[in-house]
């Protein structure tokens, strides 16, 4: 089955905070399903941050793992918002 990109951003978070959120969520998702391809991306190429956006490549079987990982992460980060 074809893989689909899924993009997660953190609206309302500062760049530094979004970078931390992205790194932490990427780690959490990899722990839930090692087959998820999670890539942290920069919003702007002229900055030196690690990336405040996550790009996730997933197949049909990974959707449930992604949902569980995001739900678990959001429960630990009560003030965070994702889009």
PDB file of N, CA and C in Angstrom:
ATOM      1  N   UNK A   1       0.841  -1.181   0.000  1.00  0.00           N
ATOM      2  CA  UNK A   1       0.000   0.000   0.000  1.00  0.00           C
ATOM      3  C   UNK A   1       0.882   1.239   0.000  1.00  0.00           C
ATOM      4  N   UNK A   2       0.453   2.308  -0.640  1.00  0.00           N
ATOM      5  CA  UNK A   2       1.212   3.545  -0.734  1.00  0.00           C
ATOM      6  C   UNK A   2       1.328   4.223   0.630  1.00  0.00           C
ATOM      7  N   UNK A   3       2.465   4.867   0.837  1.00  0.00           N
ATOM      8  CA  UNK A   3       2.678   5.588   2.080  1.00  0.00           C
ATOM      9  C   UNK A   3       2.222   7.024   1.908  1.00  0.00           C
ATOM     10  N   UNK A   4       1.717   7.612   2.991  1.00  0.00           N
ATOM     11  CA  UNK A   4       1.206   8.978   2.953  1.00  0.00           C
ATOM     12  C   UNK A   4       1.956   9.834   3.958  1.00  0.00           C
ATOM     13  N   UNK A   5       2.330  11.073   3.584  1.00  0.00           N
ATOM     14  CA  UNK A   5       2.971  11.956   4.565  1.00  0.00           C
ATOM     15  C   UNK A   5       1.926  12.546   5.508  1.00  0.00           C
ATOM     16  N   UNK A   6       2.324  12.733   6.732  1.00  0.00           N
ATOM     17  CA  UNK A   6       1.466  13.299   7.769  1.00  0.00           C
ATOM     18  C   UNK A   6       2.318  14.341   8.471  1.00  0.00           C
ATOM     19  N   UNK A   7       1.881  15.589   8.495  1.00  0.00           N
ATOM     20  CA  UNK A   7       2.668  16.683   9.056  1.00  0.00           C
ATOM     21  C   UNK A   7       2.051  17.134  10.372  1.00  0.00           C
ATOM     22  N   UNK A   8       2.895  17.285  11.393  1.00  0.00           N
ATOM     23  CA  UNK A   8       2.443  17.779  12.700  1.00  0.00           C
ATOM     24  C   UNK A   8       3.206  19.063  13.004  1.00  0.00           C
ATOM     25  N   UNK A   9       2.459  20.108  13.353  1.00  0.00           N
ATOM     26  CA  UNK A   9       3.051  21.368  13.788  1.00  0.00           C
ATOM     27  C   UNK A   9       2.518  21.703  15.174  1.00  0.00           C
ATOM     28  N   UNK A  10       3.103  22.715  15.794  1.00  0.00           N
ATOM     29  CA  UNK A  10       2.755  23.093  17.158  1.00  0.00           C
ATOM     30  C   UNK A  10       2.367  24.574  17.197  1.00  0.00           C
ATOM     31  N   UNK A  11       1.121  24.895  16.803  1.00  0.00           N
ATOM     32  CA  UNK A  11       0.700  26.301  16.759  1.00  0.00           C
ATOM     33  C   UNK A  11       0.687  26.922  18.152  1.00  0.00           C
ATOM     34  N   UNK A  12       1.090  28.175  18.203  1.00  0.00           N
ATOM     35  CA  UNK A  12       1.073  28.893  19.476  1.00  0.00           C
ATOM     36  C   UNK A  12       2.320  28.683  20.308  1.00  0.00           C
ATOM     37  N   UNK A  13       3.195  27.769  19.908  1.00  0.00           N
ATOM     38  CA  UNK A  13       4.426  27.519  20.649  1.00  0.00           C
ATOM     39  C   UNK A  13       5.547  28.363  20.058  1.00  0.00           C
ATOM     40  N   UNK A  14       6.465  28.808  20.919  1.00  0.00           N
ATOM     41  CA  UNK A  14       7.640  29.514  20.412  1.00  0.00           C
ATOM     42  C   UNK A  14       8.479  28.525  19.596  1.00  0.00           C
ATOM     43  N   UNK A  15       9.409  29.042  18.817  1.00  0.00           N
ATOM     44  CA  UNK A  15      10.254  28.162  18.009  1.00  0.00           C
ATOM     45  C   UNK A  15      11.029  27.193  18.894  1.00  0.00           C
ATOM     46  N   UNK A  16      11.586  27.691  19.979  1.00  0.00           N
ATOM     47  CA  UNK A  16      12.351  26.830  20.887  1.00  0.00           C
ATOM     48  C   UNK A  16      11.453  25.756  21.499  1.00  0.00           C
ATOM     49  N   UNK A  17      10.276  26.162  21.935  1.00  0.00           N
ATOM     50  CA  UNK A  17       9.340  25.213  22.537  1.00  0.00           C
ATOM     51  C   UNK A  17       8.869  24.189  21.500  1.00  0.00           C
ATOM     52  N   UNK A  18       8.566  24.642  20.297  1.00  0.00           N
ATOM     53  CA  UNK A  18       8.138  23.734  19.230  1.00  0.00           C
ATOM     54  C   UNK A  18       9.242  22.751  18.868  1.00  0.00           C
ATOM     55  N   UNK A  19      10.488  23.191  18.895  1.00  0.00           N
ATOM     56  CA  UNK A  19      11.611  22.285  18.657  1.00  0.00           C
ATOM     57  C   UNK A  19      11.650  21.180  19.711  1.00  0.00           C
ATOM     58  N   UNK A  20      11.484  21.569  20.962  1.00  0.00           N
ATOM     59  CA  UNK A  20      11.483  20.571  22.048  1.00  0.00           C
ATOM     60  C   UNK A  20      10.302  19.618  21.907  1.00  0.00           C
ATOM     61  N   UNK A  21       9.124  20.175  21.611  1.00  0.00           N
ATOM     62  CA  UNK A  21       7.946  19.336  21.412  1.00  0.00           C
ATOM     63  C   UNK A  21       8.168  18.349  20.275  1.00  0.00           C
ATOM     64  N   UNK A  22       8.696  18.835  19.163  1.00  0.00           N
ATOM     65  CA  UNK A  22       8.907  17.979  17.998  1.00  0.00           C
ATOM     66  C   UNK A  22       9.884  16.844  18.316  1.00  0.00           C
ATOM     67  N   UNK A  23      10.976  17.172  18.981  1.00  0.00           N
ATOM     68  CA  UNK A  23      11.970  16.148  19.327  1.00  0.00           C
ATOM     69  C   UNK A  23      11.377  15.121  20.290  1.00  0.00           C
ATOM     70  N   UNK A  24      10.643  15.604  21.287  1.00  0.00           N
ATOM     71  CA  UNK A  24      10.059  14.711  22.282  1.00  0.00           C
ATOM     72  C   UNK A  24       8.984  13.822  21.670  1.00  0.00           C
ATOM     73  N   UNK A  25       8.133  14.402  20.826  1.00  0.00           N
ATOM     74  CA  UNK A  25       7.085  13.613  20.186  1.00  0.00           C
ATOM     75  C   UNK A  25       7.689  12.601  19.215  1.00  0.00           C
ATOM     76  N   UNK A  26       8.729  12.987  18.493  1.00  0.00           N
ATOM     77  CA  UNK A  26       9.397  12.052  17.585  1.00  0.00           C
ATOM     78  C   UNK A  26       9.920  10.841  18.349  1.00  0.00           C
ATOM     79  N   UNK A  27      10.541  11.090  19.482  1.00  0.00           N
ATOM     80  CA  UNK A  27      11.043   9.992  20.315  1.00  0.00           C
ATOM     81  C   UNK A  27       9.899   9.118  20.803  1.00  0.00           C
ATOM     82  N   UNK A  28       8.827   9.739  21.280  1.00  0.00           N
ATOM     83  CA  UNK A  28       7.678   8.984  21.783  1.00  0.00           C
ATOM     84  C   UNK A  28       7.061   8.120  20.684  1.00  0.00           C
ATOM     85  N   UNK A  29       6.948   8.658  19.478  1.00  0.00           N
ATOM     86  CA  UNK A  29       6.352   7.890  18.375  1.00  0.00           C
ATOM     87  C   UNK A  29       7.232   6.724  17.969  1.00  0.00           C
ATOM     88  N   UNK A  30       8.537   6.928  17.976  1.00  0.00           N
ATOM     89  CA  UNK A  30       9.452   5.831  17.638  1.00  0.00           C
ATOM     90  C   UNK A  30       9.390   4.714  18.674  1.00  0.00           C
ATOM     91  N   UNK A  31       9.135   5.081  19.935  1.00  0.00           N
ATOM     92  CA  UNK A  31       9.009   4.073  20.986  1.00  0.00           C
ATOM     93  C   UNK A  31       7.728   3.256  20.815  1.00  0.00           C
ATOM     94  N   UNK A  32       6.663   3.888  20.326  1.00  0.00           N
ATOM     95  CA  UNK A  32       5.388   3.203  20.123  1.00  0.00           C
ATOM     96  C   UNK A  32       5.465   2.250  18.934  1.00  0.00           C
ATOM     97  N   UNK A  33       6.063   2.711  17.835  1.00  0.00           N
ATOM     98  CA  UNK A  33       6.143   1.895  16.620  1.00  0.00           C
ATOM     99  C   UNK A  33       7.450   2.213  15.901  1.00  0.00           C
ATOM    100  N   UNK A  34       8.384   1.293  15.949  1.00  0.00           N
ATOM    101  CA  UNK A  34       9.698   1.514  15.350  1.00  0.00           C
ATOM    102  C   UNK A  34       9.642   1.557  13.828  1.00  0.00           C
ATOM    103  N   UNK A  35       8.523   1.158  13.237  1.00  0.00           N
ATOM    104  CA  UNK A  35       8.381   1.201  11.783  1.00  0.00           C
ATOM    105  C   UNK A  35       7.933   2.573  11.267  1.00  0.00           C
ATOM    106  N   UNK A  36       7.495   3.461  12.176  1.00  0.00           N
ATOM    107  CA  UNK A  36       7.127   4.810  11.756  1.00  0.00           C
ATOM    108  C   UNK A  36       8.384   5.551  11.313  1.00  0.00           C
ATOM    109  N   UNK A  37       8.293   6.247  10.210  1.00  0.00           N
ATOM    110  CA  UNK A  37       9.397   7.064   9.728  1.00  0.00           C
ATOM    111  C   UNK A  37       9.102   8.498  10.145  1.00  0.00           C
ATOM    112  N   UNK A  38       9.793   8.952  11.179  1.00  0.00           N
ATOM    113  CA  UNK A  38       9.548  10.275  11.743  1.00  0.00           C
ATOM    114  C   UNK A  38      10.754  11.158  11.453  1.00  0.00           C
ATOM    115  N   UNK A  39      10.503  12.316  10.862  1.00  0.00           N
ATOM    116  CA  UNK A  39      11.574  13.237  10.498  1.00  0.00           C
ATOM    117  C   UNK A  39      11.251  14.623  11.038  1.00  0.00           C
ATOM    118  N   UNK A  40      12.180  15.189  11.767  1.00  0.00           N
ATOM    119  CA  UNK A  40      12.012  16.539  12.275  1.00  0.00           C
ATOM    120  C   UNK A  40      12.491  17.496  11.188  1.00  0.00           C
ATOM    121  N   UNK A  41      11.657  18.476  10.836  1.00  0.00           N
ATOM    122  CA  UNK A  41      11.973  19.408   9.750  1.00  0.00           C
ATOM    123  C   UNK A  41      11.944  20.845  10.236  1.00  0.00           C
ATOM    124  N   UNK A  42      12.785  21.641   9.638  1.00  0.00           N
ATOM    125  CA  UNK A  42      12.785  23.082   9.909  1.00  0.00           C
ATOM    126  C   UNK A  42      11.670  23.741   9.113  1.00  0.00           C
ATOM    127  N   UNK A  43      11.077  24.764   9.721  1.00  0.00           N
ATOM    128  CA  UNK A  43      10.088  25.558   9.001  1.00  0.00           C
ATOM    129  C   UNK A  43      10.780  26.527   8.049  1.00  0.00           C
ATOM    130  N   UNK A  44      11.953  26.990   8.460  1.00  0.00           N
ATOM    131  CA  UNK A  44      12.739  27.914   7.652  1.00  0.00           C
ATOM    132  C   UNK A  44      14.164  27.386   7.548  1.00  0.00           C
ATOM    133  N   UNK A  45      14.723  27.417   6.367  1.00  0.00           N
ATOM    134  CA  UNK A  45      16.078  26.897   6.152  1.00  0.00           C
ATOM    135  C   UNK A  45      17.160  27.860   6.624  1.00  0.00           C
ATOM    136  N   UNK A  46      16.815  29.119   6.890  1.00  0.00           N
ATOM    137  CA  UNK A  46      17.814  30.092   7.310  1.00  0.00           C
ATOM    138  C   UNK A  46      17.990  30.155   8.827  1.00  0.00           C
ATOM    139  N   UNK A  47      17.461  29.195   9.555  1.00  0.00           N
ATOM    140  CA  UNK A  47      17.624  29.127  11.005  1.00  0.00           C
ATOM    141  C   UNK A  47      18.475  27.922  11.366  1.00  0.00           C
ATOM    142  N   UNK A  48      18.971  27.923  12.599  1.00  0.00           N
ATOM    143  CA  UNK A  48      19.814  26.821  13.041  1.00  0.00           C
ATOM    144  C   UNK A  48      19.085  25.867  13.985  1.00  0.00           C
ATOM    145  N   UNK A  49      17.777  25.957  14.034  1.00  0.00           N
ATOM    146  CA  UNK A  49      17.039  25.054  14.911  1.00  0.00           C
ATOM    147  C   UNK A  49      17.008  23.643  14.321  1.00  0.00           C
ATOM    148  N   UNK A  50      16.591  22.694  15.126  1.00  0.00           N
ATOM    149  CA  UNK A  50      16.521  21.307  14.676  1.00  0.00           C
ATOM    150  C   UNK A  50      15.265  21.036  13.869  1.00  0.00           C
ATOM    151  N   UNK A  51      14.272  21.849  14.066  1.00  0.00           N
ATOM    152  CA  UNK A  51      13.027  21.686  13.334  1.00  0.00           C
ATOM    153  C   UNK A  51      11.836  21.666  14.262  1.00  0.00           C
ATOM    154  N   UNK A  52      10.858  22.477  13.930  1.00  0.00           N
ATOM    155  CA  UNK A  52       9.666  22.590  14.758  1.00  0.00           C
ATOM    156  C   UNK A  52       8.480  21.869  14.143  1.00  0.00           C
ATOM    157  N   UNK A  53       8.717  21.106  13.091  1.00  0.00           N
ATOM    158  CA  UNK A  53       7.677  20.369  12.398  1.00  0.00           C
ATOM    159  C   UNK A  53       8.092  18.912  12.286  1.00  0.00           C
ATOM    160  N   UNK A  54       7.140  18.014  12.444  1.00  0.00           N
ATOM    161  CA  UNK A  54       7.407  16.590  12.248  1.00  0.00           C
ATOM    162  C   UNK A  54       6.737  16.136  10.966  1.00  0.00           C
ATOM    163  N   UNK A  55       7.474  15.413  10.164  1.00  0.00           N
ATOM    164  CA  UNK A  55       6.915  14.768   8.973  1.00  0.00           C
ATOM    165  C   UNK A  55       6.945  13.274   9.244  1.00  0.00           C
ATOM    166  N   UNK A  56       5.806  12.635   9.142  1.00  0.00           N
ATOM    167  CA  UNK A  56       5.692  11.219   9.458  1.00  0.00           C
ATOM    168  C   UNK A  56       5.186  10.502   8.222  1.00  0.00           C
ATOM    169  N   UNK A  57       5.913   9.471   7.837  1.00  0.00           N
ATOM    170  CA  UNK A  57       5.489   8.635   6.719  1.00  0.00           C
ATOM    171  C   UNK A  57       4.900   7.372   7.324  1.00  0.00           C
ATOM    172  N   UNK A  58       3.671   7.091   6.979  1.00  0.00           N
ATOM    173  CA  UNK A  58       3.039   5.922   7.563  1.00  0.00           C
ATOM    174  C   UNK A  58       2.180   5.191   6.556  1.00  0.00           C
ATOM    175  N   UNK A  59       2.110   3.912   6.748  1.00  0.00           N
ATOM    176  CA  UNK A  59       1.207   3.079   5.978  1.00  0.00           C
ATOM    177  C   UNK A  59      -0.053   2.856   6.797  1.00  0.00           C
ATOM    178  N   UNK A  60      -0.976   2.129   6.262  1.00  0.00           N
ATOM    179  CA  UNK A  60      -2.257   1.903   6.928  1.00  0.00           C
ATOM    180  C   UNK A  60      -2.087   1.279   8.310  1.00  0.00           C
ATOM    181  N   UNK A  61      -1.167   0.331   8.448  1.00  0.00           N
ATOM    182  CA  UNK A  61      -0.986  -0.366   9.722  1.00  0.00           C
ATOM    183  C   UNK A  61      -0.443   0.548  10.811  1.00  0.00           C
ATOM    184  N   UNK A  62       0.206   1.634  10.441  1.00  0.00           N
ATOM    185  CA  UNK A  62       0.828   2.520  11.418  1.00  0.00           C
ATOM    186  C   UNK A  62      -0.105   3.590  11.968  1.00  0.00           C
ATOM    187  N   UNK A  63      -1.270   3.760  11.395  1.00  0.00           N
ATOM    188  CA  UNK A  63      -2.179   4.823  11.823  1.00  0.00           C
ATOM    189  C   UNK A  63      -2.580   4.655  13.278  1.00  0.00           C
ATOM    190  N   UNK A  64      -2.887   3.461  13.696  1.00  0.00           N
ATOM    191  CA  UNK A  64      -3.286   3.208  15.086  1.00  0.00           C
ATOM    192  C   UNK A  64      -2.135   3.518  16.036  1.00  0.00           C
ATOM    193  N   UNK A  65      -0.931   3.095  15.683  1.00  0.00           N
ATOM    194  CA  UNK A  65       0.238   3.370  16.522  1.00  0.00           C
ATOM    195  C   UNK A  65       0.477   4.870  16.619  1.00  0.00           C
ATOM    196  N   UNK A  66       0.322   5.582  15.516  1.00  0.00           N
ATOM    197  CA  UNK A  66       0.492   7.036  15.519  1.00  0.00           C
ATOM    198  C   UNK A  66      -0.525   7.680  16.450  1.00  0.00           C
ATOM    199  N   UNK A  67      -1.768   7.289  16.346  1.00  0.00           N
ATOM    200  CA  UNK A  67      -2.822   7.857  17.190  1.00  0.00           C
ATOM    201  C   UNK A  67      -2.545   7.602  18.671  1.00  0.00           C
ATOM    202  N   UNK A  68      -2.122   6.402  19.008  1.00  0.00           N
ATOM    203  CA  UNK A  68      -1.810   6.079  20.408  1.00  0.00           C
ATOM    204  C   UNK A  68      -0.628   6.894  20.904  1.00  0.00           C
ATOM    205  N   UNK A  69       0.397   7.017  20.076  1.00  0.00           N
ATOM    206  CA  UNK A  69       1.577   7.781  20.466  1.00  0.00           C
ATOM    207  C   UNK A  69       1.272   9.246  20.678  1.00  0.00           C
ATOM    208  N   UNK A  70       0.501   9.842  19.782  1.00  0.00           N
ATOM    209  CA  UNK A  70       0.139  11.255  19.911  1.00  0.00           C
ATOM    210  C   UNK A  70      -0.746  11.462  21.143  1.00  0.00           C
ATOM    211  N   UNK A  71      -1.710  10.587  21.362  1.00  0.00           N
ATOM    212  CA  UNK A  71      -2.598  10.712  22.528  1.00  0.00           C
ATOM    213  C   UNK A  71      -1.801  10.629  23.832  1.00  0.00           C
ATOM    214  N   UNK A  72      -0.876   9.697  23.894  1.00  0.00           N
ATOM    215  CA  UNK A  72      -0.047   9.540  25.084  1.00  0.00           C
ATOM    216  C   UNK A  72       0.823  10.774  25.305  1.00  0.00           C
ATOM    217  N   UNK A  73       1.415  11.282  24.225  1.00  0.00           N
ATOM    218  CA  UNK A  73       2.272  12.460  24.324  1.00  0.00           C
ATOM    219  C   UNK A  73       1.465  13.676  24.777  1.00  0.00           C
ATOM    220  N   UNK A  74       0.273  13.875  24.197  1.00  0.00           N
ATOM    221  CA  UNK A  74      -0.570  15.006  24.585  1.00  0.00           C
ATOM    222  C   UNK A  74      -0.989  14.929  26.059  1.00  0.00           C
ATOM    223  N   UNK A  75      -1.196  13.727  26.558  1.00  0.00           N
ATOM    224  CA  UNK A  75      -1.567  13.567  27.964  1.00  0.00           C
ATOM    225  C   UNK A  75      -0.433  14.037  28.888  1.00  0.00           C
ATOM    226  N   UNK A  76       0.810  13.854  28.455  1.00  0.00           N
ATOM    227  CA  UNK A  76       1.964  14.284  29.249  1.00  0.00           C
ATOM    228  C   UNK A  76       2.284  15.761  29.071  1.00  0.00           C
ATOM    229  N   UNK A  77       1.803  16.389  28.009  1.00  0.00           N
ATOM    230  CA  UNK A  77       2.089  17.791  27.702  1.00  0.00           C
ATOM    231  C   UNK A  77       0.768  18.546  27.612  1.00  0.00           C
ATOM    232  N   UNK A  78       0.153  18.754  28.757  1.00  0.00           N
ATOM    233  CA  UNK A  78      -1.193  19.314  28.834  1.00  0.00           C
ATOM    234  C   UNK A  78      -1.412  20.636  28.117  1.00  0.00           C
ATOM    235  N   UNK A  79      -0.412  21.505  28.053  1.00  0.00           N
ATOM    236  CA  UNK A  79      -0.601  22.796  27.415  1.00  0.00           C
ATOM    237  C   UNK A  79      -0.286  22.809  25.935  1.00  0.00           C
ATOM    238  N   UNK A  80       0.215  21.707  25.413  1.00  0.00           N
ATOM    239  CA  UNK A  80       0.629  21.661  24.006  1.00  0.00           C
ATOM    240  C   UNK A  80      -0.564  21.514  23.084  1.00  0.00           C
ATOM    241  N   UNK A  81      -0.443  22.137  21.916  1.00  0.00           N
ATOM    242  CA  UNK A  81      -1.449  22.000  20.868  1.00  0.00           C
ATOM    243  C   UNK A  81      -0.748  21.514  19.620  1.00  0.00           C
ATOM    244  N   UNK A  82      -1.401  20.616  18.902  1.00  0.00           N
ATOM    245  CA  UNK A  82      -0.828  20.153  17.632  1.00  0.00           C
ATOM    246  C   UNK A  82      -1.810  20.414  16.511  1.00  0.00           C
ATOM    247  N   UNK A  83      -1.264  20.499  15.337  1.00  0.00           N
ATOM    248  CA  UNK A  83      -2.086  20.698  14.148  1.00  0.00           C
ATOM    249  C   UNK A  83      -1.563  19.731  13.095  1.00  0.00           C
TER     250      UNK A  83
END
